[in-house]
Amino acid sequence: MAGNQMKQWLKRVGVAGFLFFFLKGLVWIAIFVGIGRCTI
């Protein structure tokens, strides 16, 4: 049973990590687009 719980935990951490970095990337893209629009 412990192995199954560990797999579930790792899966949740993986999904959370993916979402975190995905959203972080989108924020950086938005920042650079905003800077680009302000300078042009």
PDB file of N, CA and C in Angstrom:
ATOM      1  N   MET A   1       0.820  -1.214   0.000  1.00  0.00           N
ATOM      2  CA  MET A   1       0.000   0.000   0.000  1.00  0.00           C
ATOM      3  C   MET A   1       0.857   1.268   0.000  1.00  0.00           C
ATOM      4  N   ALA A   2       1.998   1.232   0.684  1.00  0.00           N
ATOM      5  CA  ALA A   2       2.822   2.435   0.796  1.00  0.00           C
ATOM      6  C   ALA A   2       3.337   2.873  -0.578  1.00  0.00           C
ATOM      7  N   GLY A   3       3.667   1.898  -1.441  1.00  0.00           N
ATOM      8  CA  GLY A   3       4.153   2.233  -2.774  1.00  0.00           C
ATOM      9  C   GLY A   3       3.092   2.953  -3.586  1.00  0.00           C
ATOM     10  N   ASN A   4       1.841   2.524  -3.454  1.00  0.00           N
ATOM     11  CA  ASN A   4       0.747   3.159  -4.189  1.00  0.00           C
ATOM     12  C   ASN A   4       0.530   4.595  -3.703  1.00  0.00           C
ATOM     13  N   GLN A   5       0.604   4.796  -2.392  1.00  0.00           N
ATOM     14  CA  GLN A   5       0.444   6.145  -1.838  1.00  0.00           C
ATOM     15  C   GLN A   5       1.581   7.058  -2.307  1.00  0.00           C
ATOM     16  N   MET A   6       2.787   6.492  -2.380  1.00  0.00           N
ATOM     17  CA  MET A   6       3.943   7.273  -2.827  1.00  0.00           C
ATOM     18  C   MET A   6       3.762   7.692  -4.291  1.00  0.00           C
ATOM     19  N   LYS A   7       3.262   6.780  -5.114  1.00  0.00           N
ATOM     20  CA  LYS A   7       3.022   7.100  -6.525  1.00  0.00           C
ATOM     21  C   LYS A   7       1.993   8.223  -6.658  1.00  0.00           C
ATOM     22  N   GLN A   8       0.926   8.146  -5.881  1.00  0.00           N
ATOM     23  CA  GLN A   8      -0.112   9.185  -5.920  1.00  0.00           C
ATOM     24  C   GLN A   8       0.471  10.536  -5.514  1.00  0.00           C
ATOM     25  N   TRP A   9       1.294  10.527  -4.465  1.00  0.00           N
ATOM     26  CA  TRP A   9       1.903  11.767  -3.974  1.00  0.00           C
ATOM     27  C   TRP A   9       2.831  12.349  -5.031  1.00  0.00           C
ATOM     28  N   LEU A  10       3.664  11.506  -5.654  1.00  0.00           N
ATOM     29  CA  LEU A  10       4.583  11.980  -6.683  1.00  0.00           C
ATOM     30  C   LEU A  10       3.817  12.529  -7.885  1.00  0.00           C
ATOM     31  N   LYS A  11       2.712  11.879  -8.234  1.00  0.00           N
ATOM     32  CA  LYS A  11       1.903  12.347  -9.354  1.00  0.00           C
ATOM     33  C   LYS A  11       1.338  13.732  -9.053  1.00  0.00           C
ATOM     34  N   ARG A  12       0.834  13.917  -7.833  1.00  0.00           N
ATOM     35  CA  ARG A  12       0.285  15.224  -7.443  1.00  0.00           C
ATOM     36  C   ARG A  12       1.365  16.296  -7.453  1.00  0.00           C
ATOM     37  N   VAL A  13       2.539  15.960  -6.927  1.00  0.00           N
ATOM     38  CA  VAL A  13       3.643  16.928  -6.899  1.00  0.00           C
ATOM     39  C   VAL A  13       4.070  17.264  -8.322  1.00  0.00           C
ATOM     40  N   GLY A  14       4.090  16.254  -9.206  1.00  0.00           N
ATOM     41  CA  GLY A  14       4.464  16.485 -10.597  1.00  0.00           C
ATOM     42  C   GLY A  14       3.488  17.410 -11.296  1.00  0.00           C
ATOM     43  N   VAL A  15       2.202  17.178 -11.093  1.00  0.00           N
ATOM     44  CA  VAL A  15       1.178  18.025 -11.715  1.00  0.00           C
ATOM     45  C   VAL A  15       1.277  19.440 -11.157  1.00  0.00           C
ATOM     46  N   ALA A  16       1.445  19.565  -9.854  1.00  0.00           N
ATOM     47  CA  ALA A  16       1.562  20.888  -9.233  1.00  0.00           C
ATOM     48  C   ALA A  16       2.801  21.618  -9.752  1.00  0.00           C
ATOM     49  N   GLY A  17       3.903  20.902  -9.868  1.00  0.00           N
ATOM     50  CA  GLY A  17       5.131  21.501 -10.378  1.00  0.00           C
ATOM     51  C   GLY A  17       4.980  21.955 -11.814  1.00  0.00           C
ATOM     52  N   PHE A  18       4.350  21.113 -12.633  1.00  0.00           N
ATOM     53  CA  PHE A  18       4.122  21.470 -14.037  1.00  0.00           C
ATOM     54  C   PHE A  18       3.269  22.729 -14.135  1.00  0.00           C
ATOM     55  N   LEU A  19       2.168  22.769 -13.381  1.00  0.00           N
ATOM     56  CA  LEU A  19       1.282  23.930 -13.434  1.00  0.00           C
ATOM     57  C   LEU A  19       1.998  25.188 -12.958  1.00  0.00           C
ATOM     58  N   PHE A  20       2.805  25.052 -11.902  1.00  0.00           N
ATOM     59  CA  PHE A  20       3.538  26.204 -11.369  1.00  0.00           C
ATOM     60  C   PHE A  20       4.456  26.799 -12.431  1.00  0.00           C
ATOM     61  N   PHE A  21       5.279  25.927 -13.057  1.00  0.00           N
ATOM     62  CA  PHE A  21       6.233  26.440 -14.029  1.00  0.00           C
ATOM     63  C   PHE A  21       5.552  26.899 -15.312  1.00  0.00           C
ATOM     64  N   PHE A  22       4.438  26.249 -15.680  1.00  0.00           N
ATOM     65  CA  PHE A  22       3.674  26.668 -16.856  1.00  0.00           C
ATOM     66  C   PHE A  22       3.120  28.078 -16.653  1.00  0.00           C
ATOM     67  N   LEU A  23       2.506  28.304 -15.489  1.00  0.00           N
ATOM     68  CA  LEU A  23       1.939  29.627 -15.196  1.00  0.00           C
ATOM     69  C   LEU A  23       3.042  30.673 -15.060  1.00  0.00           C
ATOM     70  N   LYS A  24       4.162  30.280 -14.446  1.00  0.00           N
ATOM     71  CA  LYS A  24       5.289  31.191 -14.304  1.00  0.00           C
ATOM     72  C   LYS A  24       5.802  31.601 -15.685  1.00  0.00           C
ATOM     73  N   GLY A  25       5.874  30.663 -16.604  1.00  0.00           N
ATOM     74  CA  GLY A  25       6.303  30.959 -17.965  1.00  0.00           C
ATOM     75  C   GLY A  25       5.345  31.910 -18.658  1.00  0.00           C
ATOM     76  N   LEU A  26       4.045  31.685 -18.477  1.00  0.00           N
ATOM     77  CA  LEU A  26       3.060  32.577 -19.091  1.00  0.00           C
ATOM     78  C   LEU A  26       3.187  33.995 -18.547  1.00  0.00           C
ATOM     79  N   VAL A  27       3.444  34.109 -17.263  1.00  0.00           N
ATOM     80  CA  VAL A  27       3.606  35.444 -16.657  1.00  0.00           C
ATOM     81  C   VAL A  27       4.818  36.141 -17.266  1.00  0.00           C
ATOM     82  N   TRP A  28       5.943  35.425 -17.412  1.00  0.00           N
ATOM     83  CA  TRP A  28       7.136  36.036 -17.999  1.00  0.00           C
ATOM     84  C   TRP A  28       6.904  36.452 -19.441  1.00  0.00           C
ATOM     85  N   ILE A  29       6.178  35.615 -20.202  1.00  0.00           N
ATOM     86  CA  ILE A  29       5.859  35.976 -21.587  1.00  0.00           C
ATOM     87  C   ILE A  29       5.028  37.251 -21.606  1.00  0.00           C
ATOM     88  N   ALA A  30       4.038  37.341 -20.720  1.00  0.00           N
ATOM     89  CA  ALA A  30       3.191  38.540 -20.667  1.00  0.00           C
ATOM     90  C   ALA A  30       4.024  39.767 -20.310  1.00  0.00           C
ATOM     91  N   ILE A  31       4.967  39.613 -19.395  1.00  0.00           N
ATOM     92  CA  ILE A  31       5.823  40.739 -19.000  1.00  0.00           C
ATOM     93  C   ILE A  31       6.652  41.217 -20.192  1.00  0.00           C
ATOM     94  N   PHE A  32       7.273  40.274 -20.922  1.00  0.00           N
ATOM     95  CA  PHE A  32       8.105  40.668 -22.061  1.00  0.00           C
ATOM     96  C   PHE A  32       7.284  41.267 -23.191  1.00  0.00           C
ATOM     97  N   VAL A  33       6.078  40.757 -23.421  1.00  0.00           N
ATOM     98  CA  VAL A  33       5.197  41.333 -24.436  1.00  0.00           C
ATOM     99  C   VAL A  33       4.820  42.752 -24.039  1.00  0.00           C
ATOM    100  N   GLY A  34       4.509  42.951 -22.766  1.00  0.00           N
ATOM    101  CA  GLY A  34       4.173  44.291 -22.287  1.00  0.00           C
ATOM    102  C   GLY A  34       5.321  45.255 -22.437  1.00  0.00           C
ATOM    103  N   ILE A  35       6.533  44.802 -22.103  1.00  0.00           N
ATOM    104  CA  ILE A  35       7.717  45.653 -22.266  1.00  0.00           C
ATOM    105  C   ILE A  35       7.924  45.971 -23.731  1.00  0.00           C
ATOM    106  N   GLY A  36       7.749  44.958 -24.586  1.00  0.00           N
ATOM    107  CA  GLY A  36       7.937  45.179 -26.026  1.00  0.00           C
ATOM    108  C   GLY A  36       6.952  46.177 -26.587  1.00  0.00           C
ATOM    109  N   ARG A  37       5.732  46.123 -26.130  1.00  0.00           N
ATOM    110  CA  ARG A  37       4.716  47.068 -26.627  1.00  0.00           C
ATOM    111  C   ARG A  37       4.994  48.483 -26.129  1.00  0.00           C
ATOM    112  N   CYS A  38       5.512  48.606 -24.924  1.00  0.00           N
ATOM    113  CA  CYS A  38       5.788  49.940 -24.373  1.00  0.00           C
ATOM    114  C   CYS A  38       6.965  50.609 -25.087  1.00  0.00           C
ATOM    115  N   THR A  39       7.923  49.811 -25.539  1.00  0.00           N
ATOM    116  CA  THR A  39       9.127  50.403 -26.148  1.00  0.00           C
ATOM    117  C   THR A  39       8.915  50.758 -27.610  1.00  0.00           C
ATOM    118  N   ILE A  40       7.949  50.137 -28.258  1.00  0.00           N
ATOM    119  CA  ILE A  40       7.738  50.392 -29.698  1.00  0.00           C
ATOM    120  C   ILE A  40       6.816  51.600 -29.874  1.00  0.00           C
TER     121      ILE A  40
END
